Amino acid sequence: MTAARGARAFRALAAAVALASGAGACGVAAAESVTTRPSLVVGVYPDQPGLGMRTPGGGYEGFDVDIAREVARRLGVPAGRLTFRPVTSADREALLERGAVDMVVASYSITPERKTRVTFAGPTTSPTRTSWCPRPNACAARAT
């Protein structure tokens, strides 16, 4: 396991523990537990390869989906009671506030304003931006 992958796994585990301890019950009233509801509904992006992607068979796969499955497992929610719902950046917060999803596991910047409306379990990844070039100095040549 690479150091970066190990760090991601650690952050995912920390998020799962935070959610399991009640820190991330974003769309559930305080007196209600997702373990007693008919299903745990998790919002994920359906179009982000490697993170959250709807498969041709109608299921979901990716890192965010794996995180959601692990959180559900740690909460004691059987796989058969885990439901994924597609979300977009434009509607994810409204879906949480309306209770249409119990939580969202997707890219979601933590801002002071958002912290007043939803509960964050913490970041599960720390994305970085990189540029790729076909050969050394190709980027510099293209930038001029």
N, C-alpha and C. Protein backbone atom coordinates (compact mmCIF):
# COMPACT_ATOMS: atom_id res chain seq x y z
N MET A 1 0.85 -1.18 0.00
CA MET A 1 0.00 0.00 0.00
C MET A 1 0.90 1.23 0.00
N THR A 2 0.60 2.17 -0.90
CA THR A 2 1.40 3.39 -0.96
C THR A 2 1.04 4.28 0.22
N ALA A 3 1.92 5.25 0.50
CA ALA A 3 1.65 6.19 1.61
C ALA A 3 0.39 6.99 1.35
N ALA A 4 0.20 7.43 0.10
CA ALA A 4 -1.00 8.23 -0.22
C ALA A 4 -2.26 7.39 -0.05
N ARG A 5 -2.21 6.15 -0.50
CA ARG A 5 -3.38 5.28 -0.36
C ARG A 5 -3.65 4.97 1.10
N GLY A 6 -2.59 4.77 1.87
CA GLY A 6 -2.74 4.53 3.30
C GLY A 6 -3.35 5.73 4.00
N ALA A 7 -2.93 6.93 3.60
CA ALA A 7 -3.48 8.15 4.18
C ALA A 7 -4.96 8.28 3.83
N ARG A 8 -5.31 7.96 2.58
CA ARG A 8 -6.73 8.00 2.18
C ARG A 8 -7.54 7.00 3.00
N ALA A 9 -6.99 5.80 3.17
CA ALA A 9 -7.70 4.78 3.94
C ALA A 9 -7.89 5.23 5.38
N PHE A 10 -6.86 5.88 5.96
CA PHE A 10 -6.96 6.37 7.32
C PHE A 10 -8.05 7.44 7.42
N ARG A 11 -8.06 8.39 6.46
CA ARG A 11 -9.09 9.44 6.48
C ARG A 11 -10.48 8.85 6.32
N ALA A 12 -10.59 7.83 5.47
CA ALA A 12 -11.88 7.18 5.28
C ALA A 12 -12.34 6.50 6.57
N LEU A 13 -11.41 5.84 7.23
CA LEU A 13 -11.73 5.20 8.49
C LEU A 13 -12.13 6.22 9.54
N ALA A 14 -11.42 7.34 9.59
CA ALA A 14 -11.75 8.40 10.54
C ALA A 14 -13.13 8.96 10.26
N ALA A 15 -13.46 9.13 8.99
CA ALA A 15 -14.80 9.63 8.64
C ALA A 15 -15.87 8.61 9.04
N ALA A 16 -15.58 7.35 8.82
CA ALA A 16 -16.55 6.31 9.18
C ALA A 16 -16.78 6.29 10.69
N VAL A 17 -15.72 6.42 11.45
CA VAL A 17 -15.84 6.46 12.91
C VAL A 17 -16.64 7.68 13.34
N ALA A 18 -16.35 8.82 12.73
CA ALA A 18 -17.08 10.05 13.07
C ALA A 18 -18.56 9.90 12.75
N LEU A 19 -18.87 9.32 11.60
CA LEU A 19 -20.27 9.12 11.24
C LEU A 19 -20.94 8.13 12.18
N ALA A 20 -20.24 7.05 12.48
CA ALA A 20 -20.81 6.04 13.37
C ALA A 20 -21.05 6.58 14.77
N SER A 21 -20.27 7.59 15.17
CA SER A 21 -20.45 8.15 16.51
C SER A 21 -21.50 9.24 16.54
N GLY A 22 -22.12 9.51 15.39
CA GLY A 22 -23.20 10.48 15.34
C GLY A 22 -22.80 11.83 14.79
N ALA A 23 -21.53 12.02 14.46
CA ALA A 23 -21.08 13.33 13.99
C ALA A 23 -21.60 13.66 12.61
N GLY A 24 -22.04 12.69 11.85
CA GLY A 24 -22.42 12.99 10.47
C GLY A 24 -23.84 12.62 10.13
N ALA A 25 -24.75 12.64 11.07
CA ALA A 25 -26.14 12.29 10.79
C ALA A 25 -26.84 13.46 10.10
N CYS A 26 -26.37 13.78 8.93
CA CYS A 26 -26.75 15.01 8.23
C CYS A 26 -28.25 15.16 8.03
N GLY A 27 -28.92 14.13 7.58
CA GLY A 27 -30.32 14.28 7.24
C GLY A 27 -31.27 13.58 8.18
N VAL A 28 -30.80 13.17 9.33
CA VAL A 28 -31.63 12.39 10.26
C VAL A 28 -31.85 13.17 11.54
N ALA A 29 -33.07 13.20 12.00
CA ALA A 29 -33.38 13.89 13.25
C ALA A 29 -32.62 13.23 14.40
N ALA A 30 -32.30 14.00 15.42
CA ALA A 30 -31.46 13.52 16.52
C ALA A 30 -32.04 12.29 17.21
N ALA A 31 -33.35 12.19 17.34
CA ALA A 31 -33.95 11.08 18.06
C ALA A 31 -34.12 9.84 17.20
N GLU A 32 -33.88 9.95 15.92
CA GLU A 32 -34.08 8.85 15.00
C GLU A 32 -32.73 8.25 14.62
N SER A 33 -32.68 6.93 14.47
CA SER A 33 -31.45 6.27 14.09
C SER A 33 -31.62 5.61 12.72
N VAL A 34 -30.59 5.72 11.89
CA VAL A 34 -30.66 5.08 10.59
C VAL A 34 -30.69 3.56 10.71
N THR A 35 -30.26 3.03 11.84
CA THR A 35 -30.25 1.58 12.00
C THR A 35 -31.65 1.01 12.15
N THR A 36 -32.63 1.85 12.47
CA THR A 36 -34.00 1.37 12.63
C THR A 36 -34.90 1.77 11.46
N ARG A 37 -34.37 2.53 10.53
CA ARG A 37 -35.15 2.95 9.36
C ARG A 37 -35.15 1.84 8.32
N PRO A 38 -36.09 1.92 7.37
CA PRO A 38 -36.13 0.89 6.32
C PRO A 38 -34.86 0.83 5.48
N SER A 39 -34.23 1.99 5.26
CA SER A 39 -32.99 1.99 4.49
C SER A 39 -32.16 3.22 4.83
N LEU A 40 -30.88 3.13 4.55
CA LEU A 40 -29.98 4.27 4.67
C LEU A 40 -29.81 4.78 3.24
N VAL A 41 -30.22 6.01 2.99
CA VAL A 41 -30.15 6.59 1.65
C VAL A 41 -28.95 7.51 1.57
N VAL A 42 -28.03 7.17 0.66
CA VAL A 42 -26.79 7.91 0.53
C VAL A 42 -26.74 8.57 -0.85
N GLY A 43 -26.50 9.87 -0.86
CA GLY A 43 -26.35 10.59 -2.11
C GLY A 43 -24.92 10.50 -2.60
N VAL A 44 -24.75 10.12 -3.86
CA VAL A 44 -23.44 10.04 -4.50
C VAL A 44 -23.55 10.61 -5.91
N TYR A 45 -22.43 11.08 -6.42
CA TYR A 45 -22.41 11.53 -7.81
C TYR A 45 -22.48 10.31 -8.72
N PRO A 46 -23.28 10.38 -9.78
CA PRO A 46 -23.39 9.24 -10.69
C PRO A 46 -22.43 9.30 -11.87
N ASP A 47 -21.61 10.35 -11.95
CA ASP A 47 -20.84 10.58 -13.18
C ASP A 47 -19.38 10.95 -12.92
N GLN A 48 -18.82 10.47 -11.83
CA GLN A 48 -17.44 10.77 -11.48
C GLN A 48 -16.63 9.47 -11.45
N PRO A 49 -16.05 9.06 -12.59
CA PRO A 49 -15.31 7.79 -12.63
C PRO A 49 -14.27 7.69 -11.52
N GLY A 50 -14.26 6.54 -10.87
CA GLY A 50 -13.32 6.30 -9.78
C GLY A 50 -13.82 6.78 -8.43
N LEU A 51 -14.78 7.69 -8.42
CA LEU A 51 -15.31 8.22 -7.17
C LEU A 51 -16.75 7.78 -6.95
N GLY A 52 -17.61 8.13 -7.86
CA GLY A 52 -19.01 7.75 -7.81
C GLY A 52 -19.52 7.64 -9.22
N MET A 53 -19.87 6.44 -9.63
CA MET A 53 -20.27 6.22 -11.02
C MET A 53 -21.42 5.23 -11.07
N ARG A 54 -22.46 5.59 -11.80
CA ARG A 54 -23.58 4.66 -12.00
C ARG A 54 -23.16 3.65 -13.07
N THR A 55 -23.33 2.39 -12.76
CA THR A 55 -22.92 1.33 -13.69
C THR A 55 -24.06 1.05 -14.67
N PRO A 56 -23.75 0.40 -15.80
CA PRO A 56 -24.81 0.08 -16.76
C PRO A 56 -25.95 -0.74 -16.15
N GLY A 57 -25.64 -1.52 -15.12
CA GLY A 57 -26.66 -2.34 -14.47
C GLY A 57 -27.50 -1.57 -13.46
N GLY A 58 -27.20 -0.27 -13.26
CA GLY A 58 -28.00 0.54 -12.34
C GLY A 58 -27.41 0.68 -10.95
N GLY A 59 -26.32 -0.03 -10.67
CA GLY A 59 -25.67 0.09 -9.37
C GLY A 59 -24.69 1.25 -9.36
N TYR A 60 -23.92 1.35 -8.30
CA TYR A 60 -22.93 2.41 -8.16
C TYR A 60 -21.60 1.81 -7.75
N GLU A 61 -20.51 2.46 -8.17
CA GLU A 61 -19.17 2.01 -7.80
C GLU A 61 -18.26 3.21 -7.68
N GLY A 62 -17.15 3.02 -6.97
CA GLY A 62 -16.16 4.06 -6.82
C GLY A 62 -15.77 4.26 -5.36
N PHE A 63 -14.77 5.13 -5.14
CA PHE A 63 -14.24 5.39 -3.81
C PHE A 63 -15.33 5.89 -2.86
N ASP A 64 -16.13 6.88 -3.28
CA ASP A 64 -17.17 7.42 -2.42
C ASP A 64 -18.21 6.36 -2.07
N VAL A 65 -18.51 5.52 -3.02
CA VAL A 65 -19.47 4.43 -2.80
C VAL A 65 -18.90 3.43 -1.79
N ASP A 66 -17.61 3.12 -1.91
CA ASP A 66 -16.97 2.23 -0.95
C ASP A 66 -17.00 2.82 0.46
N ILE A 67 -16.75 4.13 0.57
CA ILE A 67 -16.81 4.80 1.87
C ILE A 67 -18.22 4.67 2.44
N ALA A 68 -19.22 4.92 1.64
CA ALA A 68 -20.61 4.83 2.10
C ALA A 68 -20.94 3.41 2.56
N ARG A 69 -20.48 2.42 1.85
CA ARG A 69 -20.73 1.02 2.25
C ARG A 69 -20.05 0.71 3.58
N GLU A 70 -18.84 1.21 3.78
CA GLU A 70 -18.13 0.96 5.03
C GLU A 70 -18.81 1.67 6.20
N VAL A 71 -19.25 2.89 5.98
CA VAL A 71 -19.98 3.61 7.03
C VAL A 71 -21.25 2.85 7.39
N ALA A 72 -21.99 2.41 6.38
CA ALA A 72 -23.22 1.65 6.63
C ALA A 72 -22.92 0.38 7.42
N ARG A 73 -21.85 -0.32 7.02
CA ARG A 73 -21.49 -1.55 7.73
C ARG A 73 -21.18 -1.27 9.19
N ARG A 74 -20.43 -0.19 9.45
CA ARG A 74 -20.07 0.16 10.83
C ARG A 74 -21.26 0.64 11.63
N LEU A 75 -22.27 1.16 10.95
CA LEU A 75 -23.50 1.56 11.63
C LEU A 75 -24.43 0.37 11.87
N GLY A 76 -24.08 -0.78 11.30
CA GLY A 76 -24.92 -1.96 11.45
C GLY A 76 -26.05 -2.04 10.43
N VAL A 77 -25.95 -1.27 9.36
CA VAL A 77 -26.98 -1.29 8.32
C VAL A 77 -26.62 -2.39 7.32
N PRO A 78 -27.47 -3.40 7.16
CA PRO A 78 -27.18 -4.47 6.20
C PRO A 78 -27.11 -3.92 4.78
N ALA A 79 -26.29 -4.55 3.95
CA ALA A 79 -26.12 -4.10 2.56
C ALA A 79 -27.46 -3.99 1.83
N GLY A 80 -28.38 -4.87 2.15
CA GLY A 80 -29.69 -4.85 1.50
C GLY A 80 -30.54 -3.64 1.87
N ARG A 81 -30.15 -2.92 2.91
CA ARG A 81 -30.90 -1.73 3.33
C ARG A 81 -30.16 -0.44 2.99
N LEU A 82 -29.11 -0.55 2.17
CA LEU A 82 -28.36 0.61 1.74
C LEU A 82 -28.83 0.99 0.34
N THR A 83 -29.26 2.24 0.19
CA THR A 83 -29.76 2.73 -1.09
C THR A 83 -28.92 3.93 -1.53
N PHE A 84 -28.53 3.93 -2.79
CA PHE A 84 -27.80 5.05 -3.33
C PHE A 84 -28.73 5.90 -4.19
N ARG A 85 -28.57 7.20 -4.08
CA ARG A 85 -29.37 8.14 -4.86
C ARG A 85 -28.42 9.12 -5.54
N PRO A 86 -28.62 9.35 -6.84
CA PRO A 86 -27.74 10.30 -7.51
C PRO A 86 -27.99 11.72 -7.02
N VAL A 87 -26.90 12.47 -6.85
CA VAL A 87 -27.00 13.87 -6.47
C VAL A 87 -26.11 14.68 -7.40
N THR A 88 -26.37 15.97 -7.43
CA THR A 88 -25.51 16.90 -8.16
C THR A 88 -25.03 17.95 -7.17
N SER A 89 -24.05 18.73 -7.57
CA SER A 89 -23.58 19.81 -6.71
C SER A 89 -24.70 20.79 -6.43
N ALA A 90 -25.59 20.96 -7.38
CA ALA A 90 -26.69 21.92 -7.23
C ALA A 90 -27.78 21.45 -6.27
N ASP A 91 -28.00 20.13 -6.15
CA ASP A 91 -29.13 19.68 -5.33
C ASP A 91 -28.77 18.91 -4.07
N ARG A 92 -27.51 18.59 -3.85
CA ARG A 92 -27.15 17.73 -2.71
C ARG A 92 -27.54 18.32 -1.36
N GLU A 93 -27.34 19.62 -1.19
CA GLU A 93 -27.66 20.23 0.10
C GLU A 93 -29.16 20.27 0.35
N ALA A 94 -29.92 20.60 -0.68
CA ALA A 94 -31.39 20.62 -0.56
C ALA A 94 -31.92 19.22 -0.26
N LEU A 95 -31.33 18.20 -0.87
CA LEU A 95 -31.76 16.82 -0.59
C LEU A 95 -31.48 16.44 0.85
N LEU A 96 -30.35 16.89 1.39
CA LEU A 96 -30.05 16.65 2.81
C LEU A 96 -31.05 17.37 3.70
N GLU A 97 -31.29 18.63 3.40
CA GLU A 97 -32.18 19.43 4.24
C GLU A 97 -33.61 18.91 4.23
N ARG A 98 -34.06 18.38 3.10
CA ARG A 98 -35.42 17.82 2.99
C ARG A 98 -35.51 16.41 3.54
N GLY A 99 -34.38 15.79 3.80
CA GLY A 99 -34.39 14.41 4.29
C GLY A 99 -34.55 13.39 3.18
N ALA A 100 -34.36 13.81 1.93
CA ALA A 100 -34.45 12.87 0.80
C ALA A 100 -33.25 11.93 0.78
N VAL A 101 -32.12 12.37 1.36
CA VAL A 101 -30.95 11.52 1.57
C VAL A 101 -30.52 11.67 3.02
N ASP A 102 -29.97 10.61 3.57
CA ASP A 102 -29.50 10.65 4.95
C ASP A 102 -28.11 11.25 5.05
N MET A 103 -27.32 11.04 4.02
CA MET A 103 -25.99 11.63 3.98
C MET A 103 -25.53 11.68 2.53
N VAL A 104 -24.55 12.52 2.28
CA VAL A 104 -23.94 12.64 0.96
C VAL A 104 -22.47 12.28 1.11
N VAL A 105 -22.01 11.37 0.27
CA VAL A 105 -20.59 11.03 0.23
C VAL A 105 -20.13 11.38 -1.18
N ALA A 106 -19.59 12.58 -1.31
CA ALA A 106 -19.16 13.10 -2.60
C ALA A 106 -18.29 14.32 -2.34
N SER A 107 -17.66 14.83 -3.38
CA SER A 107 -16.85 16.04 -3.18
C SER A 107 -17.76 17.15 -2.70
N TYR A 108 -17.35 17.77 -1.61
CA TYR A 108 -18.21 18.75 -0.95
C TYR A 108 -17.31 19.61 -0.09
N SER A 109 -16.95 20.76 -0.58
CA SER A 109 -16.03 21.64 0.17
C SER A 109 -16.64 22.05 1.50
N ILE A 110 -15.85 21.97 2.54
CA ILE A 110 -16.30 22.37 3.87
C ILE A 110 -16.05 23.86 4.02
N THR A 111 -17.13 24.62 4.12
CA THR A 111 -17.01 26.07 4.28
C THR A 111 -17.74 26.48 5.56
N PRO A 112 -17.39 27.62 6.13
CA PRO A 112 -18.09 28.08 7.34
C PRO A 112 -19.60 28.21 7.12
N GLU A 113 -20.00 28.70 5.96
CA GLU A 113 -21.44 28.84 5.67
C GLU A 113 -22.14 27.48 5.62
N ARG A 114 -21.52 26.51 4.95
CA ARG A 114 -22.14 25.18 4.87
C ARG A 114 -22.20 24.50 6.23
N LYS A 115 -21.21 24.77 7.07
CA LYS A 115 -21.21 24.17 8.41
C LYS A 115 -22.41 24.60 9.24
N THR A 116 -23.05 25.70 8.88
CA THR A 116 -24.25 26.14 9.61
C THR A 116 -25.48 25.37 9.17
N ARG A 117 -25.41 24.69 8.01
CA ARG A 117 -26.58 24.00 7.47
C ARG A 117 -26.49 22.48 7.51
N VAL A 118 -25.29 21.94 7.42
CA VAL A 118 -25.13 20.48 7.44
C VAL A 118 -23.96 20.12 8.36
N THR A 119 -23.93 18.88 8.78
CA THR A 119 -22.86 18.39 9.63
C THR A 119 -21.86 17.64 8.76
N PHE A 120 -20.60 17.96 8.89
CA PHE A 120 -19.55 17.29 8.14
C PHE A 120 -18.84 16.29 9.05
N ALA A 121 -18.53 15.13 8.50
CA ALA A 121 -17.76 14.13 9.23
C ALA A 121 -16.27 14.37 9.04
N GLY A 122 -15.92 15.24 8.14
CA GLY A 122 -14.52 15.52 7.85
C GLY A 122 -14.17 15.07 6.45
N PRO A 123 -13.09 15.54 5.92
CA PRO A 123 -12.70 15.13 4.57
C PRO A 123 -12.25 13.68 4.53
N THR A 124 -12.56 13.00 3.43
CA THR A 124 -12.09 11.63 3.23
C THR A 124 -10.94 11.60 2.25
N THR A 125 -10.73 12.70 1.54
CA THR A 125 -9.60 12.81 0.62
C THR A 125 -9.06 14.23 0.65
N SER A 126 -7.85 14.38 0.18
CA SER A 126 -7.25 15.70 0.01
C SER A 126 -6.79 15.80 -1.44
N PRO A 127 -7.67 16.26 -2.31
CA PRO A 127 -7.31 16.28 -3.73
C PRO A 127 -6.22 17.30 -4.03
N THR A 128 -5.43 16.97 -5.00
CA THR A 128 -4.42 17.89 -5.49
C THR A 128 -4.61 18.02 -6.99
N ARG A 129 -4.15 19.10 -7.52
CA ARG A 129 -4.24 19.31 -8.96
C ARG A 129 -2.85 19.15 -9.56
N THR A 130 -2.80 18.43 -10.66
CA THR A 130 -1.55 18.25 -11.36
C THR A 130 -1.78 18.46 -12.85
N SER A 131 -0.72 18.74 -13.56
CA SER A 131 -0.77 18.85 -15.02
C SER A 131 0.11 17.77 -15.60
N TRP A 132 -0.33 17.21 -16.69
CA TRP A 132 0.43 16.14 -17.34
C TRP A 132 0.84 16.62 -18.73
N CYS A 133 2.04 16.29 -19.12
CA CYS A 133 2.56 16.62 -20.44
C CYS A 133 3.13 15.35 -21.06
N PRO A 134 3.09 15.27 -22.38
CA PRO A 134 3.57 14.04 -23.03
C PRO A 134 5.09 13.81 -22.91
N ARG A 135 5.86 14.87 -22.68
CA ARG A 135 7.32 14.72 -22.56
C ARG A 135 7.88 15.92 -21.81
N PRO A 136 9.09 15.83 -21.31
CA PRO A 136 9.67 16.96 -20.58
C PRO A 136 9.65 18.24 -21.41
N ASN A 137 9.36 19.33 -20.75
CA ASN A 137 9.35 20.66 -21.33
C ASN A 137 8.22 20.92 -22.33
N ALA A 138 7.37 19.96 -22.59
CA ALA A 138 6.27 20.17 -23.53
C ALA A 138 5.28 21.19 -23.00
N CYS A 139 5.03 21.18 -21.68
CA CYS A 139 4.10 22.15 -21.11
C CYS A 139 4.64 23.56 -21.24
N ALA A 140 5.92 23.75 -20.99
CA ALA A 140 6.52 25.09 -21.10
C ALA A 140 6.44 25.57 -22.54
N ALA A 141 6.68 24.69 -23.49
CA ALA A 141 6.64 25.07 -24.90
C ALA A 141 5.21 25.47 -25.30
N ARG A 142 4.20 24.79 -24.76
CA ARG A 142 2.80 25.08 -25.11
C ARG A 142 2.29 26.33 -24.41
N ALA A 143 2.88 26.69 -23.29
CA ALA A 143 2.42 27.84 -22.53
C ALA A 143 2.85 29.16 -23.16
N THR A 144 3.84 29.10 -24.06
CA THR A 144 4.31 30.35 -24.67
C THR A 144 3.66 30.60 -26.00
